[in-house]
Protein backbone atom coordinates (compact mmCIF):
# COMPACT_ATOMS: atom_id res chain seq x y z
CA UNK A 1 118.56 110.12 101.98
CA UNK A 2 117.99 112.62 99.16
CA UNK A 3 118.88 110.00 96.54
CA UNK A 4 116.34 107.60 98.07
CA UNK A 5 113.57 110.21 98.00
CA UNK A 6 114.31 111.08 94.36
CA UNK A 7 114.39 107.40 93.36
CA UNK A 8 110.99 106.78 95.01
CA UNK A 9 109.50 109.80 93.25
CA UNK A 10 110.88 108.49 89.96
CA UNK A 11 109.43 105.04 90.57
CA UNK A 12 106.01 106.46 91.42
CA UNK A 13 106.04 108.63 88.30
CA UNK A 14 107.11 105.72 86.12
CA UNK A 15 104.28 103.63 87.60
CA UNK A 16 101.75 106.20 86.37
CA UNK A 17 103.41 106.46 82.95
CA UNK A 18 103.36 102.68 82.43
CA UNK A 19 99.73 102.45 83.59
CA UNK A 20 98.66 105.08 81.04
CA UNK A 21 100.80 103.62 78.26
CA UNK A 22 99.52 100.06 78.81
CA UNK A 23 95.87 100.17 79.96
CA UNK A 24 95.52 96.48 79.10
CA UNK A 25 97.66 95.56 82.15
CA UNK A 26 97.64 96.68 85.77
CA UNK A 27 100.73 98.56 86.96
CA UNK A 28 101.14 99.56 90.61
CA UNK A 29 103.93 100.16 93.11
CA UNK A 30 103.91 98.79 96.65
CA UNK A 31 105.87 99.70 99.77
CA UNK A 32 105.82 96.58 101.96
CA UNK A 33 107.24 98.43 104.99
CA UNK A 34 110.52 97.69 106.73
CA UNK A 35 110.92 93.92 106.46
CA UNK A 36 113.32 91.88 108.61
CA UNK A 37 115.86 90.53 106.11
CA UNK A 38 119.62 90.20 105.84
CA UNK A 39 119.62 93.50 103.94
CA UNK A 40 118.09 95.31 106.96
CA UNK A 41 120.30 93.35 109.40
CA UNK A 42 117.08 91.65 110.58
CA UNK A 43 115.70 94.94 111.87
CA UNK A 44 112.17 95.77 110.80
CA UNK A 45 108.52 95.77 111.67
CA UNK A 46 107.44 92.88 109.47
CA UNK A 47 108.48 89.30 108.74
CA UNK A 48 109.29 88.27 105.19
CA UNK A 49 105.87 86.62 104.92
CA UNK A 50 104.10 89.78 106.13
CA UNK A 51 106.08 91.93 103.71
CA UNK A 52 105.31 89.63 100.79
CA UNK A 53 101.59 89.45 101.55
CA UNK A 54 100.89 92.96 100.18
CA UNK A 55 102.26 92.60 96.64
CA UNK A 56 100.98 89.02 96.41
CA UNK A 57 97.46 90.10 97.43
CA UNK A 58 97.46 92.84 94.78
CA UNK A 59 98.75 90.45 92.13
CA UNK A 60 95.94 87.99 92.85
CA UNK A 61 93.06 90.48 92.72
CA UNK A 62 90.66 90.00 89.80
CA UNK A 63 91.55 92.28 86.87
CA UNK A 64 88.29 94.23 87.11
CA UNK A 65 88.84 94.99 90.81
CA UNK A 66 92.47 96.08 90.52
CA UNK A 67 93.32 99.76 90.20
CA UNK A 68 96.22 100.81 87.99
CA UNK A 69 98.82 103.56 88.27
CA UNK A 70 98.58 103.61 92.05
CA UNK A 71 100.88 103.46 95.05
CA UNK A 72 100.09 101.18 97.96
CA UNK A 73 101.61 101.65 101.39
CA UNK A 74 101.29 98.12 102.67
CA UNK A 75 97.62 97.26 102.07
CA UNK A 76 96.30 100.80 101.76
CA UNK A 77 95.92 102.85 98.62
CA UNK A 78 98.06 105.92 99.23
CA UNK A 79 98.76 109.28 97.67
CA UNK A 80 102.09 109.64 95.92
């Protein structure tokens, strides 16, 4: 579990670095929740469609309305 926590912290930090380095694009990270897939042995709270809806929704937001350098827990803006 420690390796997972460190990797998530690294990903969140890298998200902020990329957002600052490239202000002309939007860079965010999204946690879709536990999605029922083969990888989770079909155990999870969300279907594949529900899990995909969060990153797809963010990707389709108009540029002016999209934050950058942020972490989203499902559909909610969240603190790192």
